[in-house]
Amino acid sequence: MATTPDLASWKGRERRARSDNRKRADQGRAPEQFVDSFLWIVAAGAPTKLLTKLPLDAAPGWPTGVYLFGGDVLRVGLVVASELPLDTTTLLVRLMAAGPLLAQAIKEVSALPADAYERDVAEPVLLAFQQVLERQPSQYPEEQEFMLDLLNGWKNAHNDGLAAGQAKAVLSVLRARGIAVPDAARERILSEKDLPCLERWLERSLTAGSIADVLDDPS
């Protein structure tokens, strides 16, 4: 009963695809390939019952940890996240699988370059997750404390990355404007972690006549 609407929707898509391709043929255009529905199951660890009860085959052309079953009838894929290669190509899937893989995945996100695609995708999700944990009391205080510590560590690493980028921007503007930056001042700028302070210095560097006009208390 629960699968009837999905099957009807799939059949409807198939009929529309055939109709559209007839129109494309009349217009002399190449037909578009109809993509069959596919169900993906993502598991943090190996689901023993599925692995023993179903005839699973390693998916050809896919990384280790990806299995297929059901052929062209069911068209189901199983991703065992714990078996995936530990690289950026699998990072978002391992992050989504959560469970015991979450801690390592969050560390990998925090270590990515600021402009990495995976970081752009993951950061809003992790921030939203942290806000939910902070608002919602958990039945398991120890587990919630662990998660908050983990996410706070990621947030701190994220902020450190932003601060490093701001510090380099300050130095780049000063260099472009020909303003001398003594070693002590350079070290101070690069070691600063307070984002509002760095933003203030960046604004001042656009019009400053010397390093003394930039820093609050230049050395």
Protein backbone atom coordinates (compact mmCIF):
# COMPACT_ATOMS: atom_id res chain seq x y z
CA MET A 1 0.00 0.00 0.00
CA ALA A 2 2.74 2.46 0.97
CA THR A 3 4.64 1.89 -2.28
CA THR A 4 1.64 2.42 -4.63
CA PRO A 5 1.97 6.23 -4.92
CA ASP A 6 5.70 5.90 -5.62
CA LEU A 7 5.09 3.28 -8.31
CA ALA A 8 2.34 5.38 -9.87
CA SER A 9 4.62 8.43 -9.84
CA TRP A 10 7.40 6.44 -11.49
CA LYS A 11 5.07 5.13 -14.20
CA GLY A 12 3.79 8.67 -14.76
CA ARG A 13 7.35 9.96 -15.20
CA GLU A 14 8.02 7.15 -17.66
CA ARG A 15 4.93 8.05 -19.74
CA ARG A 16 5.85 11.75 -19.75
CA ALA A 17 9.41 10.89 -20.80
CA ARG A 18 8.13 8.84 -23.76
CA SER A 19 5.75 11.65 -24.76
CA ASP A 20 8.50 14.27 -24.51
CA ASN A 21 10.85 12.14 -26.58
CA ARG A 22 8.23 11.76 -29.32
CA LYS A 23 8.00 15.55 -29.46
CA ARG A 24 11.79 15.85 -29.52
CA ALA A 25 11.95 13.36 -32.39
CA ASP A 26 9.36 15.39 -34.35
CA GLN A 27 11.57 18.46 -33.82
CA GLY A 28 14.67 16.59 -34.97
CA ARG A 29 16.26 16.60 -31.51
CA ALA A 30 17.93 13.67 -29.78
CA PRO A 31 15.85 11.83 -27.16
CA GLU A 32 16.60 12.19 -23.47
CA GLN A 33 17.38 9.03 -21.55
CA PHE A 34 14.83 8.10 -18.88
CA VAL A 35 16.56 7.46 -15.55
CA ASP A 36 14.91 4.74 -13.50
CA SER A 37 14.21 5.40 -9.84
CA PHE A 38 16.95 4.19 -7.48
CA LEU A 39 16.86 3.75 -3.72
CA TRP A 40 20.05 4.35 -1.71
CA ILE A 41 20.46 3.13 1.87
CA VAL A 42 23.29 4.73 3.86
CA ALA A 43 24.48 2.86 6.97
CA ALA A 44 27.25 3.96 9.34
CA GLY A 45 28.39 0.36 9.88
CA ALA A 46 27.83 -2.97 8.21
CA PRO A 47 24.17 -4.05 8.71
CA THR A 48 24.73 -7.72 9.52
CA LYS A 49 21.22 -8.89 8.72
CA LEU A 50 21.17 -7.24 5.31
CA LEU A 51 24.60 -8.55 4.46
CA THR A 52 23.65 -12.13 5.39
CA LYS A 53 20.06 -12.21 4.14
CA LEU A 54 20.37 -10.41 0.81
CA PRO A 55 22.54 -11.26 -2.21
CA LEU A 56 24.68 -8.12 -2.22
CA ASP A 57 27.19 -7.45 -4.97
CA ALA A 58 30.00 -4.90 -4.82
CA ALA A 59 29.02 -2.06 -7.15
CA PRO A 60 31.35 -2.02 -10.18
CA GLY A 61 33.04 1.31 -10.73
CA TRP A 62 32.19 2.51 -7.21
CA PRO A 63 34.46 2.76 -4.12
CA THR A 64 34.66 -0.07 -1.63
CA GLY A 65 31.68 -0.15 0.72
CA VAL A 66 29.05 0.33 -2.02
CA TYR A 67 26.77 -2.65 -2.79
CA LEU A 68 23.85 -3.25 -5.13
CA PHE A 69 20.95 -5.67 -4.97
CA GLY A 70 17.61 -6.18 -6.64
CA GLY A 71 18.97 -5.85 -10.17
CA ASP A 72 16.79 -3.83 -12.54
CA VAL A 73 13.68 -4.70 -10.52
CA LEU A 74 14.27 -3.21 -7.05
CA ARG A 75 17.32 -1.10 -7.97
CA VAL A 76 18.63 -0.65 -4.44
CA GLY A 77 22.10 0.47 -3.39
CA LEU A 78 23.64 0.06 0.06
CA VAL A 79 26.47 2.33 1.23
CA VAL A 80 28.39 1.03 4.24
CA ALA A 81 30.07 4.28 5.29
CA SER A 82 32.61 2.61 7.59
CA GLU A 83 34.05 0.75 4.59
CA LEU A 84 34.41 3.81 2.35
CA PRO A 85 37.88 5.23 1.59
CA LEU A 86 38.89 8.00 4.01
CA ASP A 87 39.21 10.86 1.54
CA THR A 88 37.30 13.97 0.53
CA THR A 89 35.27 12.11 -2.13
CA THR A 90 33.45 10.20 0.63
CA LEU A 91 33.54 12.85 3.37
CA LEU A 92 29.97 14.16 2.97
CA VAL A 93 28.53 10.63 2.94
CA ARG A 94 30.45 9.69 6.08
CA LEU A 95 29.27 12.91 7.73
CA MET A 96 25.67 12.09 6.80
CA ALA A 97 26.01 8.53 8.14
CA ALA A 98 26.98 9.98 11.57
CA GLY A 99 27.27 7.41 14.36
CA PRO A 100 30.84 6.52 15.32
CA LEU A 101 32.09 8.08 12.06
CA LEU A 102 30.96 11.60 12.95
CA ALA A 103 33.95 12.62 15.09
CA GLN A 104 36.50 11.79 12.38
CA ALA A 105 34.37 13.38 9.65
CA ILE A 106 34.04 16.66 11.61
CA LYS A 107 37.82 16.78 12.12
CA GLU A 108 38.30 16.32 8.38
CA VAL A 109 35.86 19.16 7.64
CA SER A 110 37.71 21.53 9.97
CA ALA A 111 41.01 20.67 8.27
CA LEU A 112 39.77 21.51 4.77
CA PRO A 113 40.76 24.76 3.01
CA ALA A 114 38.30 27.60 3.56
CA ASP A 115 37.18 27.47 -0.08
CA ALA A 116 36.71 23.69 -0.29
CA TYR A 117 33.36 22.59 -1.76
CA GLU A 118 32.86 19.96 0.95
CA ARG A 119 33.36 22.59 3.64
CA ASP A 120 30.82 24.94 2.04
CA VAL A 121 28.24 22.13 2.09
CA ALA A 122 29.01 20.79 5.57
CA GLU A 123 29.41 23.99 7.60
CA PRO A 124 25.74 25.16 7.53
CA VAL A 125 24.61 21.64 8.47
CA LEU A 126 27.05 21.41 11.40
CA LEU A 127 26.09 24.87 12.65
CA ALA A 128 22.38 23.98 12.50
CA PHE A 129 23.10 20.69 14.28
CA GLN A 130 24.97 22.51 17.03
CA GLN A 131 22.10 24.97 17.52
CA VAL A 132 19.61 22.09 17.83
CA LEU A 133 21.77 20.35 20.44
CA GLU A 134 22.17 23.56 22.43
CA ARG A 135 18.40 24.13 22.53
CA GLN A 136 17.20 20.60 23.13
CA PRO A 137 17.88 18.80 26.44
CA SER A 138 19.10 15.27 25.88
CA GLN A 139 18.05 12.13 27.72
CA TYR A 140 21.73 11.22 27.67
CA PRO A 141 23.72 14.17 29.14
CA GLU A 142 27.08 12.49 28.61
CA GLU A 143 26.36 11.94 24.92
CA GLN A 144 25.14 15.52 24.45
CA GLU A 145 28.21 16.91 26.24
CA PHE A 146 30.47 14.88 23.96
CA MET A 147 28.68 16.12 20.84
CA LEU A 148 28.77 19.75 21.94
CA ASP A 149 32.48 19.52 22.76
CA LEU A 150 33.10 17.99 19.36
CA LEU A 151 31.11 20.63 17.48
CA ASN A 152 32.59 23.46 19.54
CA GLY A 153 36.03 22.19 18.59
CA TRP A 154 35.01 22.31 14.94
CA LYS A 155 33.56 25.80 15.39
CA ASN A 156 36.77 27.02 17.01
CA ALA A 157 38.81 25.57 14.17
CA HIS A 158 36.45 27.23 11.70
CA ASN A 159 36.86 30.61 13.45
CA ASP A 160 40.64 30.19 13.52
CA GLY A 161 40.55 29.65 9.77
CA LEU A 162 38.51 32.82 9.27
CA ALA A 163 40.89 34.79 11.51
CA ALA A 164 43.91 33.57 9.53
CA GLY A 165 42.23 34.68 6.32
CA GLN A 166 41.43 38.12 7.73
CA ALA A 167 44.99 38.57 9.01
CA LYS A 168 46.42 37.75 5.59
CA ALA A 169 43.97 40.22 4.02
CA VAL A 170 45.23 43.01 6.34
CA LEU A 171 48.84 42.30 5.39
CA SER A 172 47.97 42.09 1.68
CA VAL A 173 46.29 45.51 1.73
CA LEU A 174 49.21 47.07 3.61
CA ARG A 175 51.70 45.55 1.19
CA ALA A 176 49.69 46.73 -1.84
CA ARG A 177 49.60 50.26 -0.40
CA GLY A 178 53.34 50.25 0.28
CA ILE A 179 53.02 50.56 4.06
CA ALA A 180 55.94 49.10 6.01
CA VAL A 181 55.04 46.41 8.56
CA PRO A 182 57.72 45.66 11.18
CA ASP A 183 58.23 42.03 12.16
CA ALA A 184 56.64 42.55 15.58
CA ALA A 185 53.51 44.09 14.04
CA ARG A 186 53.32 41.32 11.42
CA GLU A 187 53.53 38.66 14.14
CA ARG A 188 50.82 40.42 16.13
CA ILE A 189 48.47 40.57 13.15
CA LEU A 190 48.99 36.92 12.25
CA SER A 191 48.48 35.75 15.85
CA GLU A 192 45.26 37.75 16.41
CA LYS A 193 42.15 35.50 16.69
CA ASP A 194 39.51 38.11 17.48
CA LEU A 195 37.46 38.55 14.29
CA PRO A 196 35.95 42.00 15.13
CA CYS A 197 39.46 43.29 15.89
CA LEU A 198 40.79 41.95 12.57
CA GLU A 199 37.85 43.47 10.70
CA ARG A 200 38.62 46.83 12.32
CA TRP A 201 42.27 46.58 11.29
CA LEU A 202 41.29 45.65 7.74
CA GLU A 203 39.05 48.71 7.44
CA ARG A 204 41.80 50.98 8.79
CA SER A 205 44.40 49.49 6.44
CA LEU A 206 42.44 50.81 3.46
CA THR A 207 43.13 54.45 4.42
CA ALA A 208 46.01 54.27 6.91
CA GLY A 209 49.22 56.18 6.34
CA SER A 210 51.31 53.91 8.56
CA ILE A 211 51.08 50.77 10.65
CA ALA A 212 50.45 53.02 13.67
CA ASP A 213 47.16 54.08 12.09
CA VAL A 214 46.04 50.44 11.81
CA LEU A 215 46.79 48.77 15.13
CA ASP A 216 45.22 49.87 18.38
CA ASP A 217 48.56 49.75 20.17
CA PRO A 218 51.22 49.05 17.52
CA SER A 219 54.54 47.62 18.54
